[in-house]
Amino acid sequence: MALKDQKVAVVTGSSSGIGLETCLLFARNGIRTYATMRNLSKADSVKKIAEKEEIPLKVIHMNVNKCDSIAEVFEKICDEDGSIDILVNNAGFGLFGALEDLLMEDIKKQFETNFFGAIRTIQQVLPIMRKRCGTIVNISSLSGYIGFPAQSVYVSTKFALEGLSESLAYEVEQYGIKVVLIEPGVVNTKFVENILIPDNTQSISSTLLTSLSPSASSTVTSTTSTTNSDKTISQREITKYAEVVQSFLSHYYHAMKNAPDPKQVARVVLESIETPAVSASEGVNFFRYPVGADSKLYAEAKKKMNDSELHSFVVKKILKPAI
């Protein structure tokens, strides 16, 4: 395949998990892929695989929270490859805990990366894609269409991403640009290592994680410290929502043990790229792609149940032990 005929992809949050597997699958299928990440200290394993397999995969530093960083990277890629055909917005992390316990500073950080990070990359890539079409893939979540306790802020970022994607699809369709939402359920990745938990919930999380894996209890980070000025939160005793939070975290951590591999999500991402954008009236799914048994289960429940039934369904699945 001639260099000019190869598609060019940019994937954010590529150091591990879904982002990494998507980069590898793209490159193994002949797509010139740029694996972007904020921390290049995690890049060695990606580079070694690319060199060993001789696949078109490059690692590049990019911070989705900084417009200048994105602009610089996109300009460099266009100088080298002429365009960007595929953008996969995968960068993000989890902020778990009862809303009352969360610091506004951490809530803003969650939105900066999970939502505004995607907006920044999309705004930068659209002028490039308008010249010859393209595909924007936003990695959403099961939490993008169902609200869960102890995930209020994380869920909010994913709901926002879903609304953004729906609206954006109408705007850019005229330029041959396709927008796709990937909605995984729980996936067996290192996502849990980047979860932030309020310090008054930390003991609950650590106990649950230790019961699953003794080495895992240190991977979840507290969102507060003794130097934090908000003493009403950082010095609080254990959360008043302990039972609800414990039920959710127990469900989540146990689901992680038997969750699908991120390769499964990567395969769906590739499928979404290769599926032609067609009219919704033709009855073909080209916009939302639930991934995993849990995601598909909740997607069907949302379609078939009224609000009261759905609420009871979530309570039975996740909170019943706490009530």
C-alpha atoms as a PDB file:
ATOM      1  CA  MET A   1       0.000   0.000   0.000  1.00  0.00           C
ATOM      2  CA  ALA A   2       1.387   3.400  -0.971  1.00  0.00           C
ATOM      3  CA  LEU A   3       2.166   5.724   1.914  1.00  0.00           C
ATOM      4  CA  LYS A   4      -0.320   8.304   0.649  1.00  0.00           C
ATOM      5  CA  ASP A   5      -3.087   5.674   0.657  1.00  0.00           C
ATOM      6  CA  GLN A   6      -2.572   4.650   4.283  1.00  0.00           C
ATOM      7  CA  LYS A   7      -4.978   6.038   6.833  1.00  0.00           C
ATOM      8  CA  VAL A   8      -3.481   7.993   9.710  1.00  0.00           C
ATOM      9  CA  ALA A   9      -4.835   7.578  13.249  1.00  0.00           C
ATOM     10  CA  VAL A  10      -4.273   9.416  16.522  1.00  0.00           C
ATOM     11  CA  VAL A  11      -5.205   7.645  19.757  1.00  0.00           C
ATOM     12  CA  THR A  12      -5.157   9.413  23.123  1.00  0.00           C
ATOM     13  CA  GLY A  13      -4.466   7.653  26.425  1.00  0.00           C
ATOM     14  CA  SER A  14      -2.373   4.966  24.742  1.00  0.00           C
ATOM     15  CA  SER A  15      -0.003   3.833  27.481  1.00  0.00           C
ATOM     16  CA  SER A  16      -2.122   0.819  28.456  1.00  0.00           C
ATOM     17  CA  GLY A  17      -5.510  -0.863  28.212  1.00  0.00           C
ATOM     18  CA  ILE A  18      -7.976   0.089  25.506  1.00  0.00           C
ATOM     19  CA  GLY A  19      -5.772   2.817  24.052  1.00  0.00           C
ATOM     20  CA  LEU A  20      -2.731   0.568  23.749  1.00  0.00           C
ATOM     21  CA  GLU A  21      -4.633  -2.350  22.235  1.00  0.00           C
ATOM     22  CA  THR A  22      -6.378  -0.041  19.773  1.00  0.00           C
ATOM     23  CA  CYS A  23      -3.036   1.365  18.633  1.00  0.00           C
ATOM     24  CA  LEU A  24      -1.558  -2.101  18.153  1.00  0.00           C
ATOM     25  CA  LEU A  25      -4.592  -3.381  16.251  1.00  0.00           C
ATOM     26  CA  PHE A  26      -4.688  -0.322  13.991  1.00  0.00           C
ATOM     27  CA  ALA A  27      -0.990  -0.575  13.193  1.00  0.00           C
ATOM     28  CA  ARG A  28      -1.192  -4.336  12.578  1.00  0.00           C
ATOM     29  CA  ASN A  29      -3.907  -3.563  10.042  1.00  0.00           C
ATOM     30  CA  GLY A  30      -1.768  -1.089   8.144  1.00  0.00           C
ATOM     31  CA  ILE A  31      -3.039   2.132   9.712  1.00  0.00           C
ATOM     32  CA  ARG A  32      -0.251   4.613  10.436  1.00  0.00           C
ATOM     33  CA  THR A  33      -0.887   5.126  14.129  1.00  0.00           C
ATOM     34  CA  TYR A  34       0.263   7.707  16.646  1.00  0.00           C
ATOM     35  CA  ALA A  35      -0.006   6.524  20.236  1.00  0.00           C
ATOM     36  CA  THR A  36      -0.235   9.687  22.322  1.00  0.00           C
ATOM     37  CA  MET A  37       0.261   9.837  26.049  1.00  0.00           C
ATOM     38  CA  ARG A  38       0.996  12.393  28.731  1.00  0.00           C
ATOM     39  CA  ASN A  39       3.653  10.314  30.488  1.00  0.00           C
ATOM     40  CA  LEU A  40       6.325   9.019  28.111  1.00  0.00           C
ATOM     41  CA  SER A  41       7.907   6.947  30.878  1.00  0.00           C
ATOM     42  CA  LYS A  42       5.210   4.391  30.019  1.00  0.00           C
ATOM     43  CA  ALA A  43       6.139   4.320  26.334  1.00  0.00           C
ATOM     44  CA  ASP A  44       8.984   1.774  26.305  1.00  0.00           C
ATOM     45  CA  SER A  45       6.789  -1.324  26.036  1.00  0.00           C
ATOM     46  CA  VAL A  46       4.820   0.191  23.155  1.00  0.00           C
ATOM     47  CA  LYS A  47       7.988   1.127  21.285  1.00  0.00           C
ATOM     48  CA  LYS A  48       9.480  -2.334  21.751  1.00  0.00           C
ATOM     49  CA  ILE A  49       6.408  -4.027  20.294  1.00  0.00           C
ATOM     50  CA  ALA A  50       6.348  -1.628  17.330  1.00  0.00           C
ATOM     51  CA  GLU A  51      10.030  -2.220  16.607  1.00  0.00           C
ATOM     52  CA  LYS A  52       9.801  -5.982  16.984  1.00  0.00           C
ATOM     53  CA  GLU A  53       6.762  -6.324  14.732  1.00  0.00           C
ATOM     54  CA  GLU A  54       7.857  -3.555  12.350  1.00  0.00           C
ATOM     55  CA  ILE A  55       4.409  -1.988  12.365  1.00  0.00           C
ATOM     56  CA  PRO A  56       3.588   1.678  11.558  1.00  0.00           C
ATOM     57  CA  LEU A  57       3.230   2.824  15.154  1.00  0.00           C
ATOM     58  CA  LYS A  58       4.861   5.881  16.712  1.00  0.00           C
ATOM     59  CA  VAL A  59       4.681   7.115  20.290  1.00  0.00           C
ATOM     60  CA  ILE A  60       4.373  10.842  20.863  1.00  0.00           C
ATOM     61  CA  HIS A  61       3.861  13.044  23.911  1.00  0.00           C
ATOM     62  CA  MET A  62       0.541  14.902  24.067  1.00  0.00           C
ATOM     63  CA  ASN A  63      -1.459  16.376  26.933  1.00  0.00           C
ATOM     64  CA  VAL A  64      -5.181  16.564  26.140  1.00  0.00           C
ATOM     65  CA  ASN A  65      -5.566  19.221  28.839  1.00  0.00           C
ATOM     66  CA  LYS A  66      -3.411  21.666  26.872  1.00  0.00           C
ATOM     67  CA  CYS A  67      -4.521  23.108  23.531  1.00  0.00           C
ATOM     68  CA  ASP A  68      -0.957  24.064  22.585  1.00  0.00           C
ATOM     69  CA  SER A  69       0.232  20.500  23.082  1.00  0.00           C
ATOM     70  CA  ILE A  70      -2.527  19.121  20.845  1.00  0.00           C
ATOM     71  CA  ALA A  71      -1.977  21.753  18.141  1.00  0.00           C
ATOM     72  CA  GLU A  72       1.755  21.074  18.065  1.00  0.00           C
ATOM     73  CA  VAL A  73       1.286  17.307  17.749  1.00  0.00           C
ATOM     74  CA  PHE A  74      -1.407  17.537  15.064  1.00  0.00           C
ATOM     75  CA  GLU A  75       0.701  19.954  13.035  1.00  0.00           C
ATOM     76  CA  LYS A  76       3.687  17.614  13.247  1.00  0.00           C
ATOM     77  CA  ILE A  77       1.600  14.631  12.148  1.00  0.00           C
ATOM     78  CA  CYS A  78       0.156  16.528   9.192  1.00  0.00           C
ATOM     79  CA  ASP A  79       3.641  17.641   8.170  1.00  0.00           C
ATOM     80  CA  GLU A  80       4.803  14.014   8.195  1.00  0.00           C
ATOM     81  CA  ASP A  81       1.720  12.209   6.882  1.00  0.00           C
ATOM     82  CA  GLY A  82      -0.420  14.831   5.221  1.00  0.00           C
ATOM     83  CA  SER A  83      -3.576  14.394   7.287  1.00  0.00           C
ATOM     84  CA  ILE A  84      -5.339  12.756  10.209  1.00  0.00           C
ATOM     85  CA  ASP A  85      -8.092  10.342   9.181  1.00  0.00           C
ATOM     86  CA  ILE A  86      -9.013   8.800  12.535  1.00  0.00           C
ATOM     87  CA  LEU A  87      -9.122  10.301  16.022  1.00  0.00           C
ATOM     88  CA  VAL A  88      -9.790   8.045  19.002  1.00  0.00           C
ATOM     89  CA  ASN A  89     -10.506   9.918  22.236  1.00  0.00           C
ATOM     90  CA  ASN A  90      -9.630   7.428  24.952  1.00  0.00           C
ATOM     91  CA  ALA A  91      -7.774   9.490  27.573  1.00  0.00           C
ATOM     92  CA  GLY A  92      -9.544   9.520  30.912  1.00  0.00           C
ATOM     93  CA  PHE A  93      -9.634   8.323  34.518  1.00  0.00           C
ATOM     94  CA  GLY A  94     -12.196   7.449  37.179  1.00  0.00           C
ATOM     95  CA  LEU A  95     -13.274   9.566  40.134  1.00  0.00           C
ATOM     96  CA  PHE A  96     -15.390   7.351  42.371  1.00  0.00           C
ATOM     97  CA  GLY A  97     -17.197   8.158  45.608  1.00  0.00           C
ATOM     98  CA  ALA A  98     -20.357   9.803  46.927  1.00  0.00           C
ATOM     99  CA  LEU A  99     -20.880  13.261  45.455  1.00  0.00           C
ATOM    100  CA  GLU A 100     -21.006  14.928  48.869  1.00  0.00           C
ATOM    101  CA  ASP A 101     -17.522  13.618  49.624  1.00  0.00           C
ATOM    102  CA  LEU A 102     -15.830  14.826  46.438  1.00  0.00           C
ATOM    103  CA  LEU A 103     -13.709  17.941  46.207  1.00  0.00           C
ATOM    104  CA  MET A 104     -14.682  20.518  43.572  1.00  0.00           C
ATOM    105  CA  GLU A 105     -11.028  20.614  42.513  1.00  0.00           C
ATOM    106  CA  ASP A 106     -11.121  16.902  41.673  1.00  0.00           C
ATOM    107  CA  ILE A 107     -14.508  17.176  39.967  1.00  0.00           C
ATOM    108  CA  LYS A 108     -13.071  19.839  37.676  1.00  0.00           C
ATOM    109  CA  LYS A 109     -10.017  17.674  36.953  1.00  0.00           C
ATOM    110  CA  GLN A 110     -12.320  14.803  35.977  1.00  0.00           C
ATOM    111  CA  PHE A 111     -14.143  16.991  33.456  1.00  0.00           C
ATOM    112  CA  GLU A 112     -10.905  18.557  32.180  1.00  0.00           C
ATOM    113  CA  THR A 113      -9.561  15.196  31.032  1.00  0.00           C
ATOM    114  CA  ASN A 114     -12.629  13.059  30.325  1.00  0.00           C
ATOM    115  CA  PHE A 115     -14.753  15.692  28.598  1.00  0.00           C
ATOM    116  CA  PHE A 116     -12.897  18.890  27.792  1.00  0.00           C
ATOM    117  CA  GLY A 117      -9.888  16.847  26.665  1.00  0.00           C
ATOM    118  CA  ALA A 118     -12.065  15.283  23.962  1.00  0.00           C
ATOM    119  CA  ILE A 119     -13.450  18.687  22.965  1.00  0.00           C
ATOM    120  CA  ARG A 120      -9.926  20.067  22.576  1.00  0.00           C
ATOM    121  CA  THR A 121      -8.760  17.270  20.287  1.00  0.00           C
ATOM    122  CA  ILE A 122     -11.976  17.379  18.242  1.00  0.00           C
ATOM    123  CA  GLN A 123     -11.766  21.132  17.715  1.00  0.00           C
ATOM    124  CA  GLN A 124      -8.163  20.782  16.548  1.00  0.00           C
ATOM    125  CA  VAL A 125      -8.811  17.850  14.201  1.00  0.00           C
ATOM    126  CA  LEU A 126     -11.969  19.106  12.475  1.00  0.00           C
ATOM    127  CA  PRO A 127     -10.244  21.638  10.169  1.00  0.00           C
ATOM    128  CA  ILE A 128      -7.937  18.800   9.094  1.00  0.00           C
ATOM    129  CA  MET A 129     -10.711  16.257   8.529  1.00  0.00           C
ATOM    130  CA  ARG A 130     -12.981  18.682   6.670  1.00  0.00           C
ATOM    131  CA  LYS A 131     -10.494  18.636   3.806  1.00  0.00           C
ATOM    132  CA  ARG A 132     -11.003  14.930   3.071  1.00  0.00           C
ATOM    133  CA  CYS A 133     -13.415  13.379   5.632  1.00  0.00           C
ATOM    134  CA  GLY A 134     -12.524  11.197   8.647  1.00  0.00           C
ATOM    135  CA  THR A 135     -13.785   9.353  11.697  1.00  0.00           C
ATOM    136  CA  ILE A 136     -13.938  10.499  15.325  1.00  0.00           C
ATOM    137  CA  VAL A 137     -14.257   7.691  17.868  1.00  0.00           C
ATOM    138  CA  ASN A 138     -15.154   8.709  21.404  1.00  0.00           C
ATOM    139  CA  ILE A 139     -14.597   6.035  24.042  1.00  0.00           C
ATOM    140  CA  SER A 140     -17.605   6.422  26.285  1.00  0.00           C
ATOM    141  CA  SER A 141     -18.838   3.797  28.716  1.00  0.00           C
ATOM    142  CA  LEU A 142     -21.738   1.807  30.044  1.00  0.00           C
ATOM    143  CA  SER A 143     -21.746   4.750  32.471  1.00  0.00           C
ATOM    144  CA  GLY A 144     -22.555   7.004  29.523  1.00  0.00           C
ATOM    145  CA  TYR A 145     -26.176   5.882  29.440  1.00  0.00           C
ATOM    146  CA  ILE A 146     -26.872   4.498  32.933  1.00  0.00           C
ATOM    147  CA  GLY A 147     -26.273   6.375  36.187  1.00  0.00           C
ATOM    148  CA  PHE A 148     -24.584   4.449  38.995  1.00  0.00           C
ATOM    149  CA  PRO A 149     -24.062   5.322  42.678  1.00  0.00           C
ATOM    150  CA  ALA A 150     -20.539   6.343  43.698  1.00  0.00           C
ATOM    151  CA  GLN A 151     -19.870   7.321  40.071  1.00  0.00           C
ATOM    152  CA  SER A 152     -21.880  10.537  39.855  1.00  0.00           C
ATOM    153  CA  VAL A 153     -19.066  12.683  38.436  1.00  0.00           C
ATOM    154  CA  TYR A 154     -17.528  10.016  36.201  1.00  0.00           C
ATOM    155  CA  VAL A 155     -21.013   9.226  34.862  1.00  0.00           C
ATOM    156  CA  SER A 156     -21.585  12.941  34.254  1.00  0.00           C
ATOM    157  CA  THR A 157     -18.486  13.212  32.061  1.00  0.00           C
ATOM    158  CA  LYS A 158     -19.591  10.228  29.992  1.00  0.00           C
ATOM    159  CA  PHE A 159     -23.189  11.462  29.669  1.00  0.00           C
ATOM    160  CA  ALA A 160     -21.740  14.780  28.483  1.00  0.00           C
ATOM    161  CA  LEU A 161     -19.518  12.994  25.966  1.00  0.00           C
ATOM    162  CA  GLU A 162     -22.523  11.097  24.608  1.00  0.00           C
ATOM    163  CA  GLY A 163     -24.551  14.282  24.153  1.00  0.00           C
ATOM    164  CA  LEU A 164     -21.600  16.012  22.533  1.00  0.00           C
ATOM    165  CA  SER A 165     -21.139  13.121  20.112  1.00  0.00           C
ATOM    166  CA  GLU A 166     -24.811  13.011  19.138  1.00  0.00           C
ATOM    167  CA  SER A 167     -24.889  16.728  18.360  1.00  0.00           C
ATOM    168  CA  LEU A 168     -21.505  16.736  16.643  1.00  0.00           C
ATOM    169  CA  ALA A 169     -22.547  13.923  14.290  1.00  0.00           C
ATOM    170  CA  TYR A 170     -25.196  16.174  12.712  1.00  0.00           C
ATOM    171  CA  GLU A 171     -22.772  19.064  12.281  1.00  0.00           C
ATOM    172  CA  VAL A 172     -19.936  17.203  10.583  1.00  0.00           C
ATOM    173  CA  GLU A 173     -21.896  14.699   8.483  1.00  0.00           C
ATOM    174  CA  GLN A 174     -21.936  17.163   5.574  1.00  0.00           C
ATOM    175  CA  TYR A 175     -18.140  16.930   5.403  1.00  0.00           C
ATOM    176  CA  GLY A 176     -18.048  13.139   5.318  1.00  0.00           C
ATOM    177  CA  ILE A 177     -16.916  12.956   8.941  1.00  0.00           C
ATOM    178  CA  LYS A 178     -18.337  10.080  10.976  1.00  0.00           C
ATOM    179  CA  VAL A 179     -18.706  10.202  14.779  1.00  0.00           C
ATOM    180  CA  VAL A 180     -18.775   6.947  16.761  1.00  0.00           C
ATOM    181  CA  LEU A 181     -19.422   6.114  20.430  1.00  0.00           C
ATOM    182  CA  ILE A 182     -17.839   3.002  21.944  1.00  0.00           C
ATOM    183  CA  GLU A 183     -19.575   1.981  25.174  1.00  0.00           C
ATOM    184  CA  PRO A 184     -17.611  -0.678  27.087  1.00  0.00           C
ATOM    185  CA  GLY A 185     -18.775  -2.116  30.353  1.00  0.00           C
ATOM    186  CA  VAL A 186     -16.154  -3.103  32.925  1.00  0.00           C
ATOM    187  CA  VAL A 187     -12.931  -4.043  31.128  1.00  0.00           C
ATOM    188  CA  ASN A 188      -9.922  -5.840  32.606  1.00  0.00           C
ATOM    189  CA  THR A 189      -7.385  -3.024  32.326  1.00  0.00           C
ATOM    190  CA  LYS A 190      -5.170  -0.905  34.561  1.00  0.00           C
ATOM    191  CA  PHE A 191      -8.018   1.634  34.810  1.00  0.00           C
ATOM    192  CA  VAL A 192      -8.404   0.721  38.480  1.00  0.00           C
ATOM    193  CA  GLU A 193      -4.839   1.949  39.103  1.00  0.00           C
ATOM    194  CA  ASN A 194      -5.871   5.467  38.082  1.00  0.00           C
ATOM    195  CA  ILE A 195      -9.099   5.685  40.068  1.00  0.00           C
ATOM    196  CA  LEU A 196      -9.334   8.526  42.570  1.00  0.00           C
ATOM    197  CA  ILE A 197     -11.240   7.871  45.810  1.00  0.00           C
ATOM    198  CA  PRO A 198     -12.026  10.383  48.604  1.00  0.00           C
ATOM    199  CA  ASP A 199      -9.891   9.779  51.680  1.00  0.00           C
ATOM    200  CA  ASN A 200     -12.970   9.100  53.812  1.00  0.00           C
ATOM    201  CA  THR A 201     -13.761   6.199  51.460  1.00  0.00           C
ATOM    202  CA  GLN A 202     -10.198   4.961  51.089  1.00  0.00           C
ATOM    203  CA  SER A 203     -10.420   2.313  53.809  1.00  0.00           C
ATOM    204  CA  ILE A 204     -13.486   0.746  52.163  1.00  0.00           C
ATOM    205  CA  SER A 205     -11.766   0.607  48.793  1.00  0.00           C
ATOM    206  CA  SER A 206      -8.495  -0.743  50.174  1.00  0.00           C
ATOM    207  CA  THR A 207     -10.235  -3.516  52.115  1.00  0.00           C
ATOM    208  CA  LEU A 208     -12.179  -4.629  49.051  1.00  0.00           C
ATOM    209  CA  LEU A 209      -9.129  -4.530  46.805  1.00  0.00           C
ATOM    210  CA  THR A 210      -6.986  -6.430  49.302  1.00  0.00           C
ATOM    211  CA  SER A 211      -9.592  -9.194  49.422  1.00  0.00           C
ATOM    212  CA  LEU A 212      -9.230  -9.537  45.659  1.00  0.00           C
ATOM    213  CA  SER A 213      -5.504  -8.967  45.347  1.00  0.00           C
ATOM    214  CA  PRO A 214      -3.138  -8.117  48.235  1.00  0.00           C
ATOM    215  CA  SER A 215      -0.984  -5.980  45.941  1.00  0.00           C
ATOM    216  CA  ALA A 216      -3.885  -3.983  44.563  1.00  0.00           C
ATOM    217  CA  SER A 217      -4.885  -2.021  47.662  1.00  0.00           C
ATOM    218  CA  SER A 218      -2.180   0.573  47.086  1.00  0.00           C
ATOM    219  CA  THR A 219      -3.185   1.336  43.499  1.00  0.00           C
ATOM    220  CA  VAL A 220      -6.222   3.530  44.212  1.00  0.00           C
ATOM    221  CA  THR A 221      -5.300   7.111  45.066  1.00  0.00           C
ATOM    222  CA  SER A 222      -6.896   9.367  47.660  1.00  0.00           C
ATOM    223  CA  THR A 223      -8.269  12.632  46.297  1.00  0.00           C
ATOM    224  CA  THR A 224      -7.400  14.606  49.433  1.00  0.00           C
ATOM    225  CA  SER A 225      -4.423  15.175  51.699  1.00  0.00           C
ATOM    226  CA  THR A 226      -3.697  16.599  55.141  1.00  0.00           C
ATOM    227  CA  THR A 227      -2.557  19.828  53.485  1.00  0.00           C
ATOM    228  CA  ASN A 228      -5.900  20.363  51.751  1.00  0.00           C
ATOM    229  CA  SER A 229      -7.627  23.521  52.909  1.00  0.00           C
ATOM    230  CA  ASP A 230     -11.098  21.938  52.838  1.00  0.00           C
ATOM    231  CA  LYS A 231     -10.978  20.462  56.318  1.00  0.00           C
ATOM    232  CA  THR A 232     -14.677  19.585  56.301  1.00  0.00           C
ATOM    233  CA  ILE A 233     -13.904  16.923  53.714  1.00  0.00           C
ATOM    234  CA  SER A 234     -10.299  15.904  54.179  1.00  0.00           C
ATOM    235  CA  GLN A 235     -10.598  15.400  57.948  1.00  0.00           C
ATOM    236  CA  ARG A 236     -14.024  13.761  57.911  1.00  0.00           C
ATOM    237  CA  GLU A 237     -14.594  10.348  59.413  1.00  0.00           C
ATOM    238  CA  ILE A 238     -15.645   7.497  57.158  1.00  0.00           C
ATOM    239  CA  THR A 239     -18.232   8.505  54.564  1.00  0.00           C
ATOM    240  CA  LYS A 240     -21.894   8.689  55.554  1.00  0.00           C
ATOM    241  CA  TYR A 241     -22.619   6.744  52.349  1.00  0.00           C
ATOM    242  CA  ALA A 242     -20.456   3.775  53.336  1.00  0.00           C
ATOM    243  CA  GLU A 243     -22.973   1.006  52.599  1.00  0.00           C
ATOM    244  CA  VAL A 244     -23.908   2.291  49.160  1.00  0.00           C
ATOM    245  CA  VAL A 245     -20.314   3.032  48.184  1.00  0.00           C
ATOM    246  CA  GLN A 246     -19.120  -0.340  49.483  1.00  0.00           C
ATOM    247  CA  SER A 247     -21.803  -2.167  47.496  1.00  0.00           C
ATOM    248  CA  PHE A 248     -20.880  -0.386  44.277  1.00  0.00           C
ATOM    249  CA  LEU A 249     -17.111  -0.784  44.707  1.00  0.00           C
ATOM    250  CA  SER A 250     -17.524  -4.451  45.616  1.00  0.00           C
ATOM    251  CA  HIS A 251     -19.592  -4.999  42.485  1.00  0.00           C
ATOM    252  CA  TYR A 252     -17.095  -3.072  40.342  1.00  0.00           C
ATOM    253  CA  TYR A 253     -13.913  -4.684  41.666  1.00  0.00           C
ATOM    254  CA  HIS A 254     -15.353  -8.191  41.424  1.00  0.00           C
ATOM    255  CA  ALA A 255     -16.592  -7.501  37.881  1.00  0.00           C
ATOM    256  CA  MET A 256     -13.067  -6.426  36.989  1.00  0.00           C
ATOM    257  CA  LYS A 257     -11.732  -9.906  37.773  1.00  0.00           C
ATOM    258  CA  ASN A 258     -13.852 -11.555  35.078  1.00  0.00           C
ATOM    259  CA  ALA A 259     -14.151  -8.628  32.697  1.00  0.00           C
ATOM    260  CA  PRO A 260     -13.328  -8.896  28.983  1.00  0.00           C
ATOM    261  CA  ASP A 261      -9.860  -8.137  27.677  1.00  0.00           C
ATOM    262  CA  PRO A 262      -9.259  -4.644  26.191  1.00  0.00           C
ATOM    263  CA  LYS A 263      -8.458  -6.392  22.896  1.00  0.00           C
ATOM    264  CA  GLN A 264     -12.195  -7.007  22.570  1.00  0.00           C
ATOM    265  CA  VAL A 265     -12.873  -3.273  22.773  1.00  0.00           C
ATOM    266  CA  ALA A 266     -10.094  -2.563  20.272  1.00  0.00           C
ATOM    267  CA  ARG A 267     -11.686  -4.961  17.789  1.00  0.00           C
ATOM    268  CA  VAL A 268     -14.990  -3.105  18.077  1.00  0.00           C
ATOM    269  CA  VAL A 269     -13.195   0.215  17.557  1.00  0.00           C
ATOM    270  CA  LEU A 270     -11.666  -1.129  14.342  1.00  0.00           C
ATOM    271  CA  GLU A 271     -15.051  -2.479  13.258  1.00  0.00           C
ATOM    272  CA  SER A 272     -16.611   0.937  13.835  1.00  0.00           C
ATOM    273  CA  ILE A 273     -13.950   2.530  11.636  1.00  0.00           C
ATOM    274  CA  GLU A 274     -14.552   0.082   8.828  1.00  0.00           C
ATOM    275  CA  THR A 275     -18.368   0.273   8.969  1.00  0.00           C
ATOM    276  CA  PRO A 276     -19.687   2.774   6.401  1.00  0.00           C
ATOM    277  CA  ALA A 277     -21.766   5.618   7.753  1.00  0.00           C
ATOM    278  CA  VAL A 278     -25.308   5.024   6.540  1.00  0.00           C
ATOM    279  CA  SER A 279     -28.665   6.588   7.189  1.00  0.00           C
ATOM    280  CA  ALA A 280     -30.227   5.619  10.496  1.00  0.00           C
ATOM    281  CA  SER A 281     -33.420   4.981   8.539  1.00  0.00           C
ATOM    282  CA  GLU A 282     -31.729   1.923   7.039  1.00  0.00           C
ATOM    283  CA  GLY A 283     -31.749   0.331  10.488  1.00  0.00           C
ATOM    284  CA  VAL A 284     -28.005  -0.204  10.697  1.00  0.00           C
ATOM    285  CA  ASN A 285     -26.102   0.608  13.880  1.00  0.00           C
ATOM    286  CA  PHE A 286     -23.269   2.933  12.966  1.00  0.00           C
ATOM    287  CA  PHE A 287     -23.135   5.259  15.965  1.00  0.00           C
ATOM    288  CA  ARG A 288     -23.283   3.385  19.293  1.00  0.00           C
ATOM    289  CA  TYR A 289     -21.321   0.200  19.974  1.00  0.00           C
ATOM    290  CA  PRO A 290     -21.882  -1.401  23.412  1.00  0.00           C
ATOM    291  CA  VAL A 291     -19.023  -3.770  24.294  1.00  0.00           C
ATOM    292  CA  GLY A 292     -19.260  -6.604  26.800  1.00  0.00           C
ATOM    293  CA  ALA A 293     -22.152  -8.576  28.243  1.00  0.00           C
ATOM    294  CA  ASP A 294     -22.808  -6.062  31.024  1.00  0.00           C
ATOM    295  CA  SER A 295     -22.936  -3.098  28.655  1.00  0.00           C
ATOM    296  CA  LYS A 296     -25.338  -4.880  26.318  1.00  0.00           C
ATOM    297  CA  LEU A 297     -27.490  -5.992  29.259  1.00  0.00           C
ATOM    298  CA  TYR A 298     -27.899  -2.464  30.589  1.00  0.00           C
ATOM    299  CA  ALA A 299     -28.384  -1.027  27.093  1.00  0.00           C
ATOM    300  CA  GLU A 300     -31.308  -3.373  26.526  1.00  0.00           C
ATOM    301  CA  ALA A 301     -32.693  -2.619  29.989  1.00  0.00           C
ATOM    302  CA  LYS A 302     -32.619   1.108  29.295  1.00  0.00           C
ATOM    303  CA  LYS A 303     -34.502   0.607  26.027  1.00  0.00           C
ATOM    304  CA  LYS A 304     -37.201  -1.643  27.460  1.00  0.00           C
ATOM    305  CA  MET A 305     -37.754  -0.350  30.996  1.00  0.00           C
ATOM    306  CA  ASN A 306     -39.394   2.789  32.318  1.00  0.00           C
ATOM    307  CA  ASP A 307     -37.525   4.913  34.862  1.00  0.00           C
ATOM    308  CA  SER A 308     -38.982   3.143  37.880  1.00  0.00           C
ATOM    309  CA  GLU A 309     -38.213  -0.307  36.483  1.00  0.00           C
ATOM    310  CA  LEU A 310     -34.670   0.723  35.561  1.00  0.00           C
ATOM    311  CA  HIS A 311     -34.060   2.130  39.022  1.00  0.00           C
ATOM    312  CA  SER A 312     -35.195  -1.121  40.618  1.00  0.00           C
ATOM    313  CA  PHE A 313     -33.046  -3.079  38.182  1.00  0.00           C
ATOM    314  CA  VAL A 314     -29.877  -1.171  39.162  1.00  0.00           C
ATOM    315  CA  VAL A 315     -30.708  -1.465  42.871  1.00  0.00           C
ATOM    316  CA  LYS A 316     -31.170  -5.220  42.531  1.00  0.00           C
ATOM    317  CA  LYS A 317     -27.940  -5.637  40.562  1.00  0.00           C
ATOM    318  CA  ILE A 318     -25.681  -3.415  42.635  1.00  0.00           C
ATOM    319  CA  LEU A 319     -27.207  -2.025  45.829  1.00  0.00           C
ATOM    320  CA  LYS A 320     -29.472  -4.737  47.163  1.00  0.00           C
ATOM    321  CA  PRO A 321     -26.900  -5.958  49.745  1.00  0.00           C
ATOM    322  CA  ALA A 322     -26.790  -2.431  51.175  1.00  0.00           C
ATOM    323  CA  ILE A 323     -30.544  -1.993  51.577  1.00  0.00           C
END
